[in-house]
Amino acid sequence: MTIDIKTASIEPLRVTFDHLRKRLGEGKVPTRYQEATHDLQAQVNFHYRPTWDPAHELFDARHTAIRMEDFDALVDPRQYYYGSYTLQRAKQQETQEANFAFVDKRGLLETLPAELRDRIRKVVIPLRHLAWAANTNNCYITAYGYGTPVTAGSMFQTCDELGVAQYISRIGLLLDGNDPASMKAAKDLWLNDPAWQPLRRLAEDSMVVRDWFELHVLQNFLIDGVVYPLVFDHFDREVAAHGGAVFAMLTEFMVSWSAEGARWSDAVIKVAAAESAHNQALIEQWRAAWTPRVREALAPVATLAFGDRAAGVLDEVFAALDARARKIGLSAPAPGTGS
């Protein structure tokens, strides 16, 4: 008996949803990222205005002075949606947990000179409070931002900043054998030490910025764009040069994450600035207004970390930030950077 097996290819009548077909074109198959982000922003049928802000709708593009024909153009170059984001962070967390376990099991931080451990306590551990402020700021961007691509990115940034605060806290615990002494001391530095008050003041001022795009420029481009290279690049190398190379194992997440986050923040600013001369002028105005404040706030922290070399290190960090600004279409250097 002969069995003749035939195959049939069935072409689907629809390859995507109608709203994505209109956006991408007939017959185009969307990516998972496009399915998870595009055209999901609520725009009608809100029924009432918020009692705390009756001048705006519940979801309102007027919460920023930036004007976009399509806020969905502010896409994340990492193509993160919930699935891809959590998979990537899970892999990074697995690596970071292994690093912490290795350093803890071998007692490697205890082998560092006492002076070096003290510098880490004074320069790094208070930054857990700055990371919490960044977490709060990105929560605000998520709440008042417009368009799922940018608010999804800011929500991921919110979670990541909290993760950074937790990793810094764990470094403090490792420094003292799981005694919270370092964290208590860091809180006192953040609240009372003169060297930290300009940065604390900047963090608190950032938390009352009403325009969410201005806050994005301030927090995700300027503050993070200076703090992470300053502390988790230059200070990491400073610690390693004095026998503390093991410290880099505990900050690996901050290094890789900040480079990745910079891609997202730069892409959002680049697209918005290219949209119109109005947007370009606003972003340049915000950058010019906040950049001197950022340098002023971080100058005392840089002195704690680098002593009399602080000004030179800051110049290098701000020069790198200016180079980023040029790549995304902003003028450089910004006033007050010293570069």
Protein backbone atom coordinates (compact mmCIF):
# COMPACT_ATOMS: atom_id res chain seq x y z
CA MET A 1 0.00 0.00 0.00
CA THR A 2 1.30 3.43 -0.91
CA ILE A 3 0.70 6.45 1.28
CA ASP A 4 1.08 9.78 -0.43
CA ILE A 5 1.65 12.59 2.11
CA LYS A 6 1.15 16.10 0.84
CA THR A 7 1.83 19.39 2.58
CA ALA A 8 -0.15 22.55 2.20
CA SER A 9 1.04 26.08 2.93
CA ILE A 10 -1.68 28.32 4.31
CA GLU A 11 -1.04 32.02 4.10
CA PRO A 12 -2.62 33.94 6.99
CA LEU A 13 -5.17 36.53 5.97
CA ARG A 14 -3.87 38.95 8.59
CA VAL A 15 -0.30 39.26 9.87
CA THR A 16 -0.93 41.91 12.50
CA PHE A 17 -3.47 44.20 14.12
CA ASP A 18 -5.14 46.99 12.17
CA HIS A 19 -3.41 49.79 14.06
CA LEU A 20 0.01 48.30 13.30
CA ARG A 21 -0.93 47.68 9.67
CA LYS A 22 -1.76 51.39 9.34
CA ARG A 23 1.53 52.35 10.97
CA LEU A 24 3.89 49.87 9.30
CA GLY A 25 2.21 49.23 5.99
CA GLU A 26 0.25 46.38 4.41
CA GLY A 27 1.83 42.95 4.82
CA LYS A 28 4.58 44.04 7.21
CA VAL A 29 5.07 41.67 10.15
CA PRO A 30 5.74 43.66 13.35
CA THR A 31 8.33 42.78 15.94
CA ARG A 32 7.31 41.85 19.46
CA TYR A 33 8.55 45.26 20.57
CA GLN A 34 6.32 47.04 18.06
CA GLU A 35 3.32 44.97 19.12
CA ALA A 36 3.99 45.79 22.79
CA THR A 37 4.44 49.56 22.42
CA HIS A 38 2.89 51.23 19.39
CA ASP A 39 -0.48 53.00 19.53
CA LEU A 40 -1.29 51.88 23.06
CA GLN A 41 -1.46 55.38 24.55
CA ALA A 42 -4.98 56.18 25.77
CA GLN A 43 -6.23 59.29 23.96
CA VAL A 44 -10.02 59.54 24.36
CA ASN A 45 -12.93 58.72 26.69
CA PHE A 46 -11.34 59.81 29.97
CA HIS A 47 -14.74 60.97 31.30
CA TYR A 48 -13.27 63.31 33.90
CA ARG A 49 -10.20 65.43 34.54
CA PRO A 50 -7.88 64.73 37.47
CA THR A 51 -9.02 66.63 40.57
CA TRP A 52 -5.41 67.52 41.39
CA ASP A 53 -4.84 69.07 37.96
CA PRO A 54 -8.12 69.98 36.23
CA ALA A 55 -6.28 71.93 33.52
CA HIS A 56 -5.13 68.63 31.96
CA GLU A 57 -6.65 65.37 30.81
CA LEU A 58 -5.70 62.16 32.61
CA PHE A 59 -3.22 61.46 29.80
CA ASP A 60 -2.13 64.70 28.24
CA ALA A 61 0.67 65.55 25.81
CA ARG A 62 0.77 69.07 27.27
CA HIS A 63 2.65 67.90 30.38
CA THR A 64 5.78 68.77 28.41
CA ALA A 65 6.59 71.78 26.26
CA ILE A 66 8.10 69.37 23.70
CA ARG A 67 5.82 68.96 20.70
CA MET A 68 5.78 65.78 18.63
CA GLU A 69 3.63 64.87 15.65
CA ASP A 70 3.86 61.30 16.94
CA PHE A 71 5.18 60.55 20.45
CA ASP A 72 5.49 56.91 19.41
CA ALA A 73 8.56 58.01 17.44
CA LEU A 74 10.47 58.11 20.76
CA VAL A 75 11.32 54.43 20.51
CA ASP A 76 13.81 52.49 22.61
CA PRO A 77 16.81 51.38 20.50
CA ARG A 78 17.21 48.39 22.85
CA GLN A 79 13.73 47.21 21.74
CA TYR A 80 12.79 46.42 25.32
CA TYR A 81 9.33 45.22 26.15
CA TYR A 82 8.50 43.29 29.34
CA GLY A 83 9.74 39.92 28.08
CA SER A 84 13.05 41.02 26.57
CA TYR A 85 13.74 43.39 29.46
CA THR A 86 13.23 40.81 32.19
CA LEU A 87 15.29 38.18 30.35
CA GLN A 88 18.20 40.60 29.98
CA ARG A 89 18.07 41.76 33.60
CA ALA A 90 17.78 38.17 34.86
CA LYS A 91 21.04 37.27 33.08
CA GLN A 92 22.76 40.36 34.47
CA GLN A 93 21.47 39.67 37.96
CA GLU A 94 22.72 36.09 37.82
CA THR A 95 26.20 37.34 36.98
CA GLN A 96 26.09 40.05 39.64
CA GLU A 97 24.85 37.63 42.32
CA ALA A 98 27.74 35.30 41.50
CA ASN A 99 30.18 38.21 41.87
CA PHE A 100 28.77 39.22 45.25
CA ALA A 101 28.81 35.61 46.45
CA PHE A 102 32.44 35.16 45.38
CA VAL A 103 33.61 38.36 47.07
CA ASP A 104 31.64 37.59 50.23
CA LYS A 105 32.77 33.95 50.48
CA ARG A 106 36.44 34.83 50.08
CA GLY A 107 36.22 37.95 52.28
CA LEU A 108 37.94 39.93 49.54
CA LEU A 109 36.79 43.40 50.61
CA GLU A 110 38.39 42.77 54.00
CA THR A 111 41.77 42.50 52.27
CA LEU A 112 41.58 46.10 51.03
CA PRO A 113 43.55 48.74 52.91
CA ALA A 114 41.46 50.47 55.59
CA GLU A 115 41.96 53.86 53.90
CA LEU A 116 40.60 52.51 50.62
CA ARG A 117 37.56 50.95 52.28
CA ASP A 118 36.89 54.27 53.98
CA ARG A 119 37.04 56.12 50.64
CA ILE A 120 34.52 53.69 49.15
CA ARG A 121 32.23 54.32 52.11
CA LYS A 122 32.45 58.09 51.65
CA VAL A 123 32.29 58.24 47.84
CA VAL A 124 30.03 55.36 46.78
CA ILE A 125 27.58 54.39 49.52
CA PRO A 126 25.78 57.78 49.79
CA LEU A 127 24.88 57.39 46.11
CA ARG A 128 22.15 54.93 47.15
CA HIS A 129 20.11 58.04 48.04
CA LEU A 130 20.78 59.63 44.65
CA ALA A 131 19.68 56.41 42.94
CA TRP A 132 16.45 56.50 44.95
CA ALA A 133 15.84 60.08 43.74
CA ALA A 134 16.46 58.89 40.16
CA ASN A 135 13.96 56.08 40.75
CA THR A 136 11.36 58.63 41.88
CA ASN A 137 12.09 60.95 38.95
CA ASN A 138 11.62 58.20 36.41
CA CYS A 139 8.38 57.22 38.14
CA TYR A 140 7.24 60.79 37.45
CA ILE A 141 8.25 60.53 33.79
CA THR A 142 6.29 57.29 33.54
CA ALA A 143 3.23 58.85 35.18
CA TYR A 144 3.13 62.07 33.15
CA GLY A 145 4.94 61.07 29.96
CA TYR A 146 3.04 60.57 26.73
CA GLY A 147 3.35 57.60 24.42
CA THR A 148 4.05 54.01 25.45
CA PRO A 149 7.59 53.84 23.94
CA VAL A 150 8.98 56.55 26.22
CA THR A 151 6.97 55.67 29.33
CA ALA A 152 7.86 51.98 29.04
CA GLY A 153 11.53 52.96 28.81
CA SER A 154 11.25 55.24 31.83
CA MET A 155 9.50 52.51 33.84
CA PHE A 156 12.35 50.13 33.10
CA GLN A 157 14.73 52.92 34.14
CA THR A 158 12.74 53.29 37.36
CA CYS A 159 13.23 49.64 38.23
CA ASP A 160 16.91 49.74 37.30
CA GLU A 161 17.66 52.76 39.48
CA LEU A 162 16.14 50.91 42.43
CA GLY A 163 18.33 47.94 41.59
CA VAL A 164 21.40 50.21 41.60
CA ALA A 165 20.42 51.54 45.04
CA GLN A 166 20.12 47.97 46.31
CA TYR A 167 23.49 46.91 44.90
CA ILE A 168 25.17 49.94 46.48
CA SER A 169 23.51 49.05 49.79
CA ARG A 170 24.89 45.51 49.52
CA ILE A 171 28.38 46.87 48.93
CA GLY A 172 27.98 48.84 52.16
CA LEU A 173 26.92 45.67 53.99
CA LEU A 174 29.89 43.72 52.61
CA LEU A 175 32.27 46.43 53.81
CA ASP A 176 31.16 45.86 57.40
CA GLY A 177 30.39 42.16 57.57
CA ASN A 178 26.64 42.67 57.09
CA ASP A 179 26.57 45.33 59.78
CA PRO A 180 24.53 48.33 58.51
CA ALA A 181 27.07 50.78 59.94
CA SER A 182 28.22 51.97 56.49
CA MET A 183 24.67 52.68 55.38
CA LYS A 184 23.89 54.62 58.56
CA ALA A 185 27.09 56.62 58.09
CA ALA A 186 26.25 57.20 54.41
CA LYS A 187 22.82 58.52 55.34
CA ASP A 188 24.43 60.94 57.78
CA LEU A 189 26.85 62.08 55.04
CA TRP A 190 23.95 62.59 52.62
CA LEU A 191 21.97 64.62 55.16
CA ASN A 192 24.72 66.59 56.89
CA ASP A 193 28.14 66.47 55.26
CA PRO A 194 28.93 69.74 53.40
CA ALA A 195 30.49 67.81 50.49
CA TRP A 196 27.18 66.09 49.73
CA GLN A 197 24.76 68.97 50.22
CA PRO A 198 25.05 70.47 46.69
CA LEU A 199 24.22 67.08 45.16
CA ARG A 200 21.42 66.48 47.65
CA ARG A 201 20.01 69.94 46.82
CA LEU A 202 20.17 69.14 43.09
CA ALA A 203 18.39 65.81 43.67
CA GLU A 204 15.63 67.52 45.63
CA ASP A 205 15.27 70.29 43.06
CA SER A 206 15.02 67.71 40.29
CA MET A 207 12.11 66.07 42.08
CA VAL A 208 9.93 69.15 41.62
CA VAL A 209 10.60 69.67 37.90
CA ARG A 210 7.15 69.66 36.30
CA ASP A 211 8.03 69.12 32.62
CA TRP A 212 8.73 65.40 32.23
CA PHE A 213 10.95 65.80 29.18
CA GLU A 214 13.05 68.42 30.96
CA LEU A 215 13.37 65.94 33.82
CA HIS A 216 14.49 63.28 31.35
CA VAL A 217 17.23 65.60 30.09
CA LEU A 218 18.28 66.49 33.64
CA GLN A 219 18.13 63.05 35.25
CA ASN A 220 18.85 60.51 32.54
CA PHE A 221 21.20 62.53 30.34
CA LEU A 222 22.97 65.01 32.64
CA ILE A 223 23.03 63.61 36.18
CA ASP A 224 23.42 59.94 35.25
CA GLY A 225 25.66 60.94 32.36
CA VAL A 226 28.15 62.43 34.83
CA VAL A 227 27.72 60.35 37.99
CA TYR A 228 28.20 56.92 36.44
CA PRO A 229 31.39 57.68 34.47
CA LEU A 230 32.77 59.66 37.43
CA VAL A 231 32.18 57.00 40.08
CA PHE A 232 31.85 53.66 38.29
CA ASP A 233 34.55 54.29 35.69
CA HIS A 234 37.11 56.79 36.96
CA PHE A 235 36.77 56.01 40.67
CA ASP A 236 36.69 52.26 39.91
CA ARG A 237 40.05 52.66 38.21
CA GLU A 238 41.31 54.75 41.13
CA VAL A 239 40.39 51.97 43.55
CA ALA A 240 41.94 49.31 41.30
CA ALA A 241 45.18 51.28 41.04
CA HIS A 242 45.48 51.15 44.83
CA GLY A 243 44.97 47.41 45.15
CA GLY A 244 41.18 47.24 45.02
CA ALA A 245 40.54 45.59 41.65
CA VAL A 246 38.02 43.29 43.33
CA PHE A 247 35.73 46.29 43.82
CA ALA A 248 35.04 46.28 40.07
CA MET A 249 33.28 42.91 40.44
CA LEU A 250 30.67 44.58 42.65
CA THR A 251 29.98 47.46 40.25
CA GLU A 252 29.79 45.53 36.97
CA PHE A 253 26.01 45.96 36.72
CA MET A 254 26.28 49.74 37.11
CA VAL A 255 28.91 49.93 34.36
CA SER A 256 27.02 47.84 31.80
CA TRP A 257 23.62 49.28 32.70
CA SER A 258 24.70 52.93 32.47
CA ALA A 259 26.13 52.41 28.99
CA GLU A 260 22.91 50.71 27.92
CA GLY A 261 20.70 53.37 29.55
CA ALA A 262 22.66 56.09 27.79
CA ARG A 263 21.63 54.60 24.43
CA TRP A 264 17.98 54.95 25.41
CA SER A 265 18.19 58.49 26.83
CA ASP A 266 20.26 59.70 23.87
CA ALA A 267 17.85 58.20 21.33
CA VAL A 268 14.82 59.87 22.93
CA ILE A 269 16.52 63.28 22.98
CA LYS A 270 17.88 62.90 19.43
CA VAL A 271 14.48 62.14 17.90
CA ALA A 272 12.73 64.91 19.81
CA ALA A 273 15.39 67.50 18.94
CA ALA A 274 15.27 66.55 15.26
CA GLU A 275 11.48 66.98 15.19
CA SER A 276 11.55 70.78 15.15
CA ALA A 277 13.57 73.92 15.85
CA HIS A 278 11.21 74.54 18.78
CA ASN A 279 12.16 71.23 20.42
CA GLN A 280 15.85 71.73 19.68
CA ALA A 281 15.85 75.16 21.32
CA LEU A 282 14.03 73.88 24.41
CA ILE A 283 16.38 70.97 24.93
CA GLU A 284 19.43 73.22 24.46
CA GLN A 285 17.91 75.68 26.94
CA TRP A 286 17.36 72.98 29.58
CA ARG A 287 20.82 71.57 29.06
CA ALA A 288 22.42 75.02 29.37
CA ALA A 289 20.45 75.79 32.53
CA TRP A 290 21.17 72.55 34.39
CA THR A 291 24.71 71.64 33.32
CA PRO A 292 26.47 74.18 35.59
CA ARG A 293 24.32 72.99 38.50
CA VAL A 294 25.34 69.39 37.85
CA ARG A 295 29.03 70.28 37.80
CA GLU A 296 28.71 72.43 40.92
CA ALA A 297 26.92 69.59 42.73
CA LEU A 298 29.47 66.95 41.83
CA ALA A 299 32.63 69.00 42.33
CA PRO A 300 32.85 68.28 46.11
CA VAL A 301 32.17 64.57 45.54
CA ALA A 302 34.91 64.48 42.91
CA THR A 303 37.26 66.07 45.44
CA LEU A 304 36.45 63.31 47.92
CA ALA A 305 37.27 60.74 45.26
CA PHE A 306 40.27 62.27 43.49
CA GLY A 307 41.69 65.02 45.68
CA ASP A 308 43.55 67.69 43.75
CA ARG A 309 42.92 65.85 40.45
CA ALA A 310 39.16 66.35 40.77
CA ALA A 311 38.85 69.25 38.32
CA GLY A 312 40.75 67.39 35.62
CA VAL A 313 38.63 64.25 36.02
CA LEU A 314 35.44 66.32 35.87
CA ASP A 315 36.69 68.04 32.71
CA GLU A 316 37.22 64.62 31.14
CA VAL A 317 33.74 63.40 32.13
CA PHE A 318 32.01 66.53 30.84
CA ALA A 319 34.02 66.40 27.61
CA ALA A 320 32.70 62.87 27.04
CA LEU A 321 29.16 64.08 27.77
CA ASP A 322 29.62 66.92 25.26
CA ALA A 323 30.73 64.36 22.69
CA ARG A 324 27.51 62.43 23.33
CA ALA A 325 25.56 65.66 22.90
CA ARG A 326 27.17 66.34 19.52
CA LYS A 327 26.31 62.84 18.30
CA ILE A 328 22.61 63.41 19.02
CA GLY A 329 22.48 66.81 17.39
CA LEU A 330 23.02 69.16 20.35
CA SER A 331 25.57 71.94 20.42
CA ALA A 332 28.68 71.48 22.53
CA PRO A 333 30.23 72.30 24.87
CA ALA A 334 27.51 73.34 27.25
CA PRO A 335 28.25 76.45 29.32
CA GLY A 336 29.74 75.88 32.74
CA THR A 337 31.22 72.45 32.02
CA GLY A 338 34.80 73.61 32.02
CA SER A 339 35.49 71.52 28.91
